[in-house]
Amino acid sequence: MFELTGKVAIVTGASRGIGRGIALTLAARGATVVAAARAENAAATVAEIVAAGGKAEVASVDVTDAESVTALVAGVVERHGRIDVLVNNAGVARDQLVLRMKRDDWDAVIAANLTGAFVASQAVVKTMLRQRSGRIINISSVVGQMGNAGQVNYAASKAGLIGMSKALAREVASRGITVNCVTPGLIETDMTRAITDKAQDDWSGQIPLGRIGTAADVAAAVCFLASDEASYITGHVLAVNGGMYM
């Protein structure tokens, strides 16, 4: 079940956190993973996959640079002849209350989180249309569904991913391409580990399942949506949040 042998998957933001977890899980299911991040930052992820017997390669990409994204996709097609899965995970956060938020902070978050995913999706669609198959999976956030004070830029970018996914799903469904969103809640990453124990307890108190999620929890959802078992699911928003938002 959820077998991905022979599939080629691009994962952006694969150097750490959720992106690293997704790359590891897809590779464990048999996919050849292109672990993309700025510079060579995903090299450690690739080394871990290869050490476990999986197939992976590192790719340097800046999702805010359209030429960089186009070159990444062209390179994957040249080397492998196909792209089966795109996971748009790369993103940034620049939190601040709206009265203090600088325009640069708004622009940077929208560029990385929303426009970057649009550019990458646009770049892979031509190949997927020709194949008459493909999976595009966008990593949004619970914040894009319920909002959060101090994150108007981040919430807007993640809500935008949901709308973009639904619109694109309608455009490409007739060619066997599915487009879905995963919306993680509070997930254990470098960022959440840096907050105080009291803050973590306060957040956990808002989660019916009573715990912070893990990158593996998100990766399992992505793996399902990338698989043949999810071939009749498109335009869907799959929440991985422990019940934080229902």
C-alpha atoms as a PDB file:
ATOM      1  CA  MET A   1       0.000   0.000   0.000  1.00  0.00           C
ATOM      2  CA  PHE A   2       1.150   3.527  -0.870  1.00  0.00           C
ATOM      3  CA  GLU A   3       3.901   2.071  -3.049  1.00  0.00           C
ATOM      4  CA  LEU A   4       5.878   4.699  -4.969  1.00  0.00           C
ATOM      5  CA  THR A   5       8.552   2.605  -6.656  1.00  0.00           C
ATOM      6  CA  GLY A   6       9.506   4.075 -10.013  1.00  0.00           C
ATOM      7  CA  LYS A   7       8.044   7.491  -9.204  1.00  0.00           C
ATOM      8  CA  VAL A   8      10.120  10.672  -9.372  1.00  0.00           C
ATOM      9  CA  ALA A   9       9.278  13.236  -6.681  1.00  0.00           C
ATOM     10  CA  ILE A  10      10.489  16.798  -6.183  1.00  0.00           C
ATOM     11  CA  VAL A  11      10.286  18.102  -2.610  1.00  0.00           C
ATOM     12  CA  THR A  12      11.101  21.767  -2.034  1.00  0.00           C
ATOM     13  CA  GLY A  13      12.377  22.910   1.316  1.00  0.00           C
ATOM     14  CA  ALA A  14      13.741  19.405   1.922  1.00  0.00           C
ATOM     15  CA  SER A  15      16.655  20.392   4.121  1.00  0.00           C
ATOM     16  CA  ARG A  16      14.900  20.182   7.487  1.00  0.00           C
ATOM     17  CA  GLY A  17      11.661  19.891   9.405  1.00  0.00           C
ATOM     18  CA  ILE A  18       8.546  18.867   7.518  1.00  0.00           C
ATOM     19  CA  GLY A  19      10.284  18.872   4.131  1.00  0.00           C
ATOM     20  CA  ARG A  20      12.996  16.530   5.348  1.00  0.00           C
ATOM     21  CA  GLY A  21      10.376  14.207   6.825  1.00  0.00           C
ATOM     22  CA  ILE A  22       8.446  14.151   3.546  1.00  0.00           C
ATOM     23  CA  ALA A  23      11.572  13.403   1.515  1.00  0.00           C
ATOM     24  CA  LEU A  24      12.564  10.536   3.823  1.00  0.00           C
ATOM     25  CA  THR A  25       9.090   8.985   3.738  1.00  0.00           C
ATOM     26  CA  LEU A  26       8.650   9.205  -0.036  1.00  0.00           C
ATOM     27  CA  ALA A  27      12.068   7.610  -0.515  1.00  0.00           C
ATOM     28  CA  ALA A  28      11.245   4.851   1.979  1.00  0.00           C
ATOM     29  CA  ARG A  29       8.200   4.047  -0.169  1.00  0.00           C
ATOM     30  CA  GLY A  30      10.386   3.656  -3.243  1.00  0.00           C
ATOM     31  CA  ALA A  31      10.322   7.065  -4.912  1.00  0.00           C
ATOM     32  CA  THR A  32      13.406   8.695  -6.369  1.00  0.00           C
ATOM     33  CA  VAL A  33      13.470  11.962  -4.436  1.00  0.00           C
ATOM     34  CA  VAL A  34      14.871  15.246  -5.697  1.00  0.00           C
ATOM     35  CA  ALA A  35      15.540  17.065  -2.430  1.00  0.00           C
ATOM     36  CA  ALA A  36      15.512  20.750  -3.281  1.00  0.00           C
ATOM     37  CA  ALA A  37      16.619  23.639  -1.103  1.00  0.00           C
ATOM     38  CA  ARG A  38      18.807  26.718  -1.225  1.00  0.00           C
ATOM     39  CA  ALA A  39      22.456  25.996  -2.061  1.00  0.00           C
ATOM     40  CA  GLU A  40      23.342  22.438  -1.032  1.00  0.00           C
ATOM     41  CA  ASN A  41      21.359  22.556   2.213  1.00  0.00           C
ATOM     42  CA  ALA A  42      19.484  19.311   1.482  1.00  0.00           C
ATOM     43  CA  ALA A  43      22.682  17.273   1.139  1.00  0.00           C
ATOM     44  CA  ALA A  44      22.269  15.769   4.615  1.00  0.00           C
ATOM     45  CA  THR A  45      18.734  14.648   3.759  1.00  0.00           C
ATOM     46  CA  VAL A  46      19.971  12.950   0.604  1.00  0.00           C
ATOM     47  CA  ALA A  47      22.838  11.280   2.464  1.00  0.00           C
ATOM     48  CA  GLU A  48      20.373   9.851   4.991  1.00  0.00           C
ATOM     49  CA  ILE A  49      18.134   8.487   2.229  1.00  0.00           C
ATOM     50  CA  VAL A  50      21.027   6.888   0.370  1.00  0.00           C
ATOM     51  CA  ALA A  51      22.433   5.390   3.584  1.00  0.00           C
ATOM     52  CA  ALA A  52      19.056   3.714   4.137  1.00  0.00           C
ATOM     53  CA  GLY A  53      19.133   2.216   0.650  1.00  0.00           C
ATOM     54  CA  GLY A  54      16.892   4.768  -1.038  1.00  0.00           C
ATOM     55  CA  LYS A  55      17.317   6.876  -4.152  1.00  0.00           C
ATOM     56  CA  ALA A  56      17.761  10.626  -3.906  1.00  0.00           C
ATOM     57  CA  GLU A  57      19.641  13.560  -5.322  1.00  0.00           C
ATOM     58  CA  VAL A  58      20.223  17.063  -4.073  1.00  0.00           C
ATOM     59  CA  ALA A  59      19.111  20.096  -6.069  1.00  0.00           C
ATOM     60  CA  SER A  60      19.838  23.744  -5.452  1.00  0.00           C
ATOM     61  CA  VAL A  61      16.814  25.979  -5.906  1.00  0.00           C
ATOM     62  CA  ASP A  62      15.521  29.354  -4.778  1.00  0.00           C
ATOM     63  CA  VAL A  63      11.738  29.198  -5.076  1.00  0.00           C
ATOM     64  CA  THR A  64      11.546  32.991  -5.244  1.00  0.00           C
ATOM     65  CA  ASP A  65      13.622  32.917  -8.458  1.00  0.00           C
ATOM     66  CA  ALA A  66      11.533  31.669 -11.382  1.00  0.00           C
ATOM     67  CA  GLU A  67      14.594  30.880 -13.495  1.00  0.00           C
ATOM     68  CA  SER A  68      16.006  28.733 -10.688  1.00  0.00           C
ATOM     69  CA  VAL A  69      12.763  26.768 -10.433  1.00  0.00           C
ATOM     70  CA  THR A  70      12.482  26.318 -14.204  1.00  0.00           C
ATOM     71  CA  ALA A  71      16.069  25.065 -14.369  1.00  0.00           C
ATOM     72  CA  LEU A  72      15.402  22.591 -11.560  1.00  0.00           C
ATOM     73  CA  VAL A  73      12.382  21.094 -13.315  1.00  0.00           C
ATOM     74  CA  ALA A  74      14.135  20.975 -16.699  1.00  0.00           C
ATOM     75  CA  GLY A  75      17.057  19.169 -15.107  1.00  0.00           C
ATOM     76  CA  VAL A  76      14.831  16.557 -13.496  1.00  0.00           C
ATOM     77  CA  VAL A  77      13.031  15.881 -16.780  1.00  0.00           C
ATOM     78  CA  GLU A  78      16.351  15.616 -18.622  1.00  0.00           C
ATOM     79  CA  ARG A  79      17.778  13.140 -16.103  1.00  0.00           C
ATOM     80  CA  HIS A  80      14.689  11.046 -15.376  1.00  0.00           C
ATOM     81  CA  GLY A  81      12.325  11.639 -18.280  1.00  0.00           C
ATOM     82  CA  ARG A  82       9.363  12.338 -16.016  1.00  0.00           C
ATOM     83  CA  ILE A  83       8.035  14.027 -12.861  1.00  0.00           C
ATOM     84  CA  ASP A  84       5.363  12.168 -10.937  1.00  0.00           C
ATOM     85  CA  VAL A  85       5.108  14.155  -7.707  1.00  0.00           C
ATOM     86  CA  LEU A  86       5.722  17.774  -6.752  1.00  0.00           C
ATOM     87  CA  VAL A  87       5.558  18.707  -3.087  1.00  0.00           C
ATOM     88  CA  ASN A  88       5.553  22.476  -2.604  1.00  0.00           C
ATOM     89  CA  ASN A  89       6.828  22.696   0.955  1.00  0.00           C
ATOM     90  CA  ALA A  90       9.401  25.524   0.908  1.00  0.00           C
ATOM     91  CA  GLY A  91       8.352  28.555   2.883  1.00  0.00           C
ATOM     92  CA  VAL A  92       9.292  31.279   5.330  1.00  0.00           C
ATOM     93  CA  ALA A  93       7.688  33.136   8.215  1.00  0.00           C
ATOM     94  CA  ARG A  94       8.235  36.753   9.201  1.00  0.00           C
ATOM     95  CA  ASP A  95       5.818  37.268  12.055  1.00  0.00           C
ATOM     96  CA  GLN A  96       4.766  40.685  13.285  1.00  0.00           C
ATOM     97  CA  LEU A  97       1.610  42.510  14.308  1.00  0.00           C
ATOM     98  CA  VAL A  98       0.050  44.201  11.308  1.00  0.00           C
ATOM     99  CA  LEU A  99       0.687  47.742  12.574  1.00  0.00           C
ATOM    100  CA  ARG A 100       4.401  46.975  12.754  1.00  0.00           C
ATOM    101  CA  MET A 101       4.742  44.725   9.725  1.00  0.00           C
ATOM    102  CA  LYS A 102       6.981  46.079   6.999  1.00  0.00           C
ATOM    103  CA  ARG A 103       5.967  45.751   3.372  1.00  0.00           C
ATOM    104  CA  ASP A 104       9.166  43.794   2.735  1.00  0.00           C
ATOM    105  CA  ASP A 105       8.031  41.179   5.258  1.00  0.00           C
ATOM    106  CA  TRP A 106       4.691  40.836   3.494  1.00  0.00           C
ATOM    107  CA  ASP A 107       6.297  40.583   0.055  1.00  0.00           C
ATOM    108  CA  ALA A 108       8.941  38.064   1.127  1.00  0.00           C
ATOM    109  CA  VAL A 109       6.432  35.653   2.653  1.00  0.00           C
ATOM    110  CA  ILE A 110       4.014  35.840  -0.269  1.00  0.00           C
ATOM    111  CA  ALA A 111       6.890  35.378  -2.733  1.00  0.00           C
ATOM    112  CA  ALA A 112       8.273  32.266  -1.043  1.00  0.00           C
ATOM    113  CA  ASN A 113       5.120  30.576   0.192  1.00  0.00           C
ATOM    114  CA  LEU A 114       2.599  31.326  -2.547  1.00  0.00           C
ATOM    115  CA  THR A 115       4.298  32.606  -5.689  1.00  0.00           C
ATOM    116  CA  GLY A 116       7.063  30.007  -5.348  1.00  0.00           C
ATOM    117  CA  ALA A 117       4.488  27.216  -5.284  1.00  0.00           C
ATOM    118  CA  PHE A 118       2.719  28.715  -8.306  1.00  0.00           C
ATOM    119  CA  VAL A 119       5.945  28.903 -10.315  1.00  0.00           C
ATOM    120  CA  ALA A 120       6.934  25.322  -9.451  1.00  0.00           C
ATOM    121  CA  SER A 121       3.456  24.005 -10.242  1.00  0.00           C
ATOM    122  CA  GLN A 122       3.394  25.828 -13.564  1.00  0.00           C
ATOM    123  CA  ALA A 123       6.821  24.401 -14.401  1.00  0.00           C
ATOM    124  CA  VAL A 124       5.864  20.750 -13.816  1.00  0.00           C
ATOM    125  CA  VAL A 125       2.384  20.836 -15.338  1.00  0.00           C
ATOM    126  CA  LYS A 126       3.607  20.655 -18.941  1.00  0.00           C
ATOM    127  CA  THR A 127       5.427  17.390 -18.248  1.00  0.00           C
ATOM    128  CA  MET A 128       2.539  15.978 -16.224  1.00  0.00           C
ATOM    129  CA  LEU A 129       0.052  16.853 -18.967  1.00  0.00           C
ATOM    130  CA  ARG A 130       2.168  14.972 -21.463  1.00  0.00           C
ATOM    131  CA  GLN A 131       2.352  11.980 -19.106  1.00  0.00           C
ATOM    132  CA  ARG A 132      -1.369  12.247 -18.398  1.00  0.00           C
ATOM    133  CA  SER A 133      -0.557  11.704 -14.748  1.00  0.00           C
ATOM    134  CA  GLY A 134       0.913  13.522 -11.774  1.00  0.00           C
ATOM    135  CA  ARG A 135       0.488  14.622  -8.186  1.00  0.00           C
ATOM    136  CA  ILE A 136       0.906  18.188  -6.930  1.00  0.00           C
ATOM    137  CA  ILE A 137       0.752  18.476  -3.156  1.00  0.00           C
ATOM    138  CA  ASN A 138       0.909  21.887  -1.511  1.00  0.00           C
ATOM    139  CA  ILE A 139       1.867  22.218   2.140  1.00  0.00           C
ATOM    140  CA  SER A 140      -0.418  24.889   3.548  1.00  0.00           C
ATOM    141  CA  SER A 141      -1.102  25.394   7.275  1.00  0.00           C
ATOM    142  CA  VAL A 142      -3.844  25.388   9.855  1.00  0.00           C
ATOM    143  CA  VAL A 143      -3.101  29.117  10.090  1.00  0.00           C
ATOM    144  CA  GLY A 144      -4.410  29.500   6.544  1.00  0.00           C
ATOM    145  CA  GLN A 145      -7.749  28.112   7.743  1.00  0.00           C
ATOM    146  CA  MET A 146      -8.179  29.696  11.168  1.00  0.00           C
ATOM    147  CA  GLY A 147      -5.807  32.688  11.165  1.00  0.00           C
ATOM    148  CA  ASN A 148      -3.354  33.686  13.871  1.00  0.00           C
ATOM    149  CA  ALA A 149      -2.490  37.067  15.360  1.00  0.00           C
ATOM    150  CA  GLY A 150       0.848  38.366  14.181  1.00  0.00           C
ATOM    151  CA  GLN A 151       0.815  36.273  11.005  1.00  0.00           C
ATOM    152  CA  VAL A 152      -1.320  38.127   8.477  1.00  0.00           C
ATOM    153  CA  ASN A 153       1.314  37.577   5.786  1.00  0.00           C
ATOM    154  CA  TYR A 154       1.819  33.886   6.585  1.00  0.00           C
ATOM    155  CA  ALA A 155      -1.925  33.200   6.916  1.00  0.00           C
ATOM    156  CA  ALA A 156      -2.629  34.968   3.618  1.00  0.00           C
ATOM    157  CA  SER A 157       0.037  32.942   1.811  1.00  0.00           C
ATOM    158  CA  LYS A 158      -1.204  29.640   3.203  1.00  0.00           C
ATOM    159  CA  ALA A 159      -4.863  30.430   2.531  1.00  0.00           C
ATOM    160  CA  GLY A 160      -3.822  31.390  -0.986  1.00  0.00           C
ATOM    161  CA  LEU A 161      -2.307  27.938  -1.465  1.00  0.00           C
ATOM    162  CA  ILE A 162      -5.669  26.361  -0.706  1.00  0.00           C
ATOM    163  CA  GLY A 163      -7.455  28.486  -3.287  1.00  0.00           C
ATOM    164  CA  MET A 164      -4.729  27.950  -5.854  1.00  0.00           C
ATOM    165  CA  SER A 165      -4.865  24.186  -5.332  1.00  0.00           C
ATOM    166  CA  LYS A 166      -8.602  24.013  -5.863  1.00  0.00           C
ATOM    167  CA  ALA A 167      -8.461  26.119  -9.031  1.00  0.00           C
ATOM    168  CA  LEU A 168      -5.539  24.177 -10.502  1.00  0.00           C
ATOM    169  CA  ALA A 169      -7.195  20.866  -9.604  1.00  0.00           C
ATOM    170  CA  ARG A 170     -10.124  21.795 -11.849  1.00  0.00           C
ATOM    171  CA  GLU A 171      -7.808  22.782 -14.711  1.00  0.00           C
ATOM    172  CA  VAL A 172      -5.780  19.570 -14.884  1.00  0.00           C
ATOM    173  CA  ALA A 173      -8.086  16.825 -13.604  1.00  0.00           C
ATOM    174  CA  SER A 174      -9.053  15.641 -17.096  1.00  0.00           C
ATOM    175  CA  ARG A 175      -5.407  14.671 -17.705  1.00  0.00           C
ATOM    176  CA  GLY A 176      -5.132  12.464 -14.637  1.00  0.00           C
ATOM    177  CA  ILE A 177      -3.332  15.057 -12.497  1.00  0.00           C
ATOM    178  CA  THR A 178      -4.465  15.613  -8.922  1.00  0.00           C
ATOM    179  CA  VAL A 179      -3.781  18.708  -6.837  1.00  0.00           C
ATOM    180  CA  ASN A 180      -4.289  18.647  -3.082  1.00  0.00           C
ATOM    181  CA  CYS A 181      -3.313  20.517   0.077  1.00  0.00           C
ATOM    182  CA  VAL A 182      -2.057  19.293   3.413  1.00  0.00           C
ATOM    183  CA  THR A 183      -2.596  21.677   6.318  1.00  0.00           C
ATOM    184  CA  PRO A 184      -0.327  20.857   9.265  1.00  0.00           C
ATOM    185  CA  GLY A 185      -1.141  22.159  12.711  1.00  0.00           C
ATOM    186  CA  LEU A 186       1.486  22.647  15.399  1.00  0.00           C
ATOM    187  CA  ILE A 187       4.347  20.378  14.328  1.00  0.00           C
ATOM    188  CA  GLU A 188       7.566  19.644  16.204  1.00  0.00           C
ATOM    189  CA  THR A 189      10.317  21.411  14.247  1.00  0.00           C
ATOM    190  CA  ASP A 190      13.331  23.578  15.044  1.00  0.00           C
ATOM    191  CA  MET A 191      10.977  26.550  15.330  1.00  0.00           C
ATOM    192  CA  THR A 192       8.553  24.971  17.782  1.00  0.00           C
ATOM    193  CA  ARG A 193      11.368  23.458  19.843  1.00  0.00           C
ATOM    194  CA  ALA A 194      12.655  26.990  20.392  1.00  0.00           C
ATOM    195  CA  ILE A 195       9.497  28.154  22.179  1.00  0.00           C
ATOM    196  CA  THR A 196       9.132  27.789  25.934  1.00  0.00           C
ATOM    197  CA  ASP A 197       7.742  24.691  27.634  1.00  0.00           C
ATOM    198  CA  LYS A 198       4.827  26.786  28.919  1.00  0.00           C
ATOM    199  CA  ALA A 199       3.996  27.975  25.411  1.00  0.00           C
ATOM    200  CA  GLN A 200       4.113  24.393  24.136  1.00  0.00           C
ATOM    201  CA  ASP A 201       1.786  23.326  26.952  1.00  0.00           C
ATOM    202  CA  ASP A 202      -0.586  26.184  26.112  1.00  0.00           C
ATOM    203  CA  TRP A 203      -0.678  25.139  22.449  1.00  0.00           C
ATOM    204  CA  SER A 204      -1.087  21.467  23.291  1.00  0.00           C
ATOM    205  CA  GLY A 205      -4.094  22.400  25.423  1.00  0.00           C
ATOM    206  CA  GLN A 206      -5.840  23.572  22.243  1.00  0.00           C
ATOM    207  CA  ILE A 207      -5.269  20.242  20.498  1.00  0.00           C
ATOM    208  CA  PRO A 208      -7.896  17.554  21.236  1.00  0.00           C
ATOM    209  CA  LEU A 209      -5.397  14.744  20.669  1.00  0.00           C
ATOM    210  CA  GLY A 210      -3.246  16.340  23.353  1.00  0.00           C
ATOM    211  CA  ARG A 211       0.125  16.417  21.618  1.00  0.00           C
ATOM    212  CA  ILE A 212       2.195  18.356  19.126  1.00  0.00           C
ATOM    213  CA  GLY A 213       2.454  16.642  15.758  1.00  0.00           C
ATOM    214  CA  THR A 214       5.597  15.362  14.079  1.00  0.00           C
ATOM    215  CA  ALA A 215       7.054  15.692  10.612  1.00  0.00           C
ATOM    216  CA  ALA A 216       6.293  11.988  10.153  1.00  0.00           C
ATOM    217  CA  ASP A 217       2.590  12.683  10.728  1.00  0.00           C
ATOM    218  CA  VAL A 218       2.584  15.181   7.864  1.00  0.00           C
ATOM    219  CA  ALA A 219       4.762  12.984   5.662  1.00  0.00           C
ATOM    220  CA  ALA A 220       2.325  10.072   5.990  1.00  0.00           C
ATOM    221  CA  ALA A 221      -0.489  12.248   4.633  1.00  0.00           C
ATOM    222  CA  VAL A 222       1.665  13.414   1.739  1.00  0.00           C
ATOM    223  CA  CYS A 223       2.683   9.843   0.946  1.00  0.00           C
ATOM    224  CA  PHE A 224      -0.982   8.830   0.750  1.00  0.00           C
ATOM    225  CA  LEU A 225      -1.888  11.699  -1.573  1.00  0.00           C
ATOM    226  CA  ALA A 226       1.108  10.857  -3.783  1.00  0.00           C
ATOM    227  CA  SER A 227       0.054   7.228  -4.118  1.00  0.00           C
ATOM    228  CA  ASP A 228      -2.229   5.438  -6.562  1.00  0.00           C
ATOM    229  CA  GLU A 229      -4.663   4.830  -3.701  1.00  0.00           C
ATOM    230  CA  ALA A 230      -5.461   8.570  -3.755  1.00  0.00           C
ATOM    231  CA  SER A 231      -6.129   8.729  -7.498  1.00  0.00           C
ATOM    232  CA  TYR A 232      -9.769   9.777  -6.981  1.00  0.00           C
ATOM    233  CA  ILE A 233      -8.953  12.610  -4.558  1.00  0.00           C
ATOM    234  CA  THR A 234      -8.334  16.103  -5.906  1.00  0.00           C
ATOM    235  CA  GLY A 235      -8.985  19.644  -4.741  1.00  0.00           C
ATOM    236  CA  HIS A 236      -8.965  18.324  -1.188  1.00  0.00           C
ATOM    237  CA  VAL A 237      -7.589  19.906   1.985  1.00  0.00           C
ATOM    238  CA  LEU A 238      -6.248  17.211   4.308  1.00  0.00           C
ATOM    239  CA  ALA A 239      -5.836  18.526   7.847  1.00  0.00           C
ATOM    240  CA  VAL A 240      -3.036  17.079   9.974  1.00  0.00           C
ATOM    241  CA  ASN A 241      -3.590  19.048  13.148  1.00  0.00           C
ATOM    242  CA  GLY A 242      -4.724  16.720  15.932  1.00  0.00           C
ATOM    243  CA  GLY A 243      -8.171  18.312  15.852  1.00  0.00           C
ATOM    244  CA  MET A 244      -6.884  21.832  16.483  1.00  0.00           C
ATOM    245  CA  TYR A 245      -9.167  23.085  13.701  1.00  0.00           C
ATOM    246  CA  MET A 246     -12.168  21.117  12.495  1.00  0.00           C
END
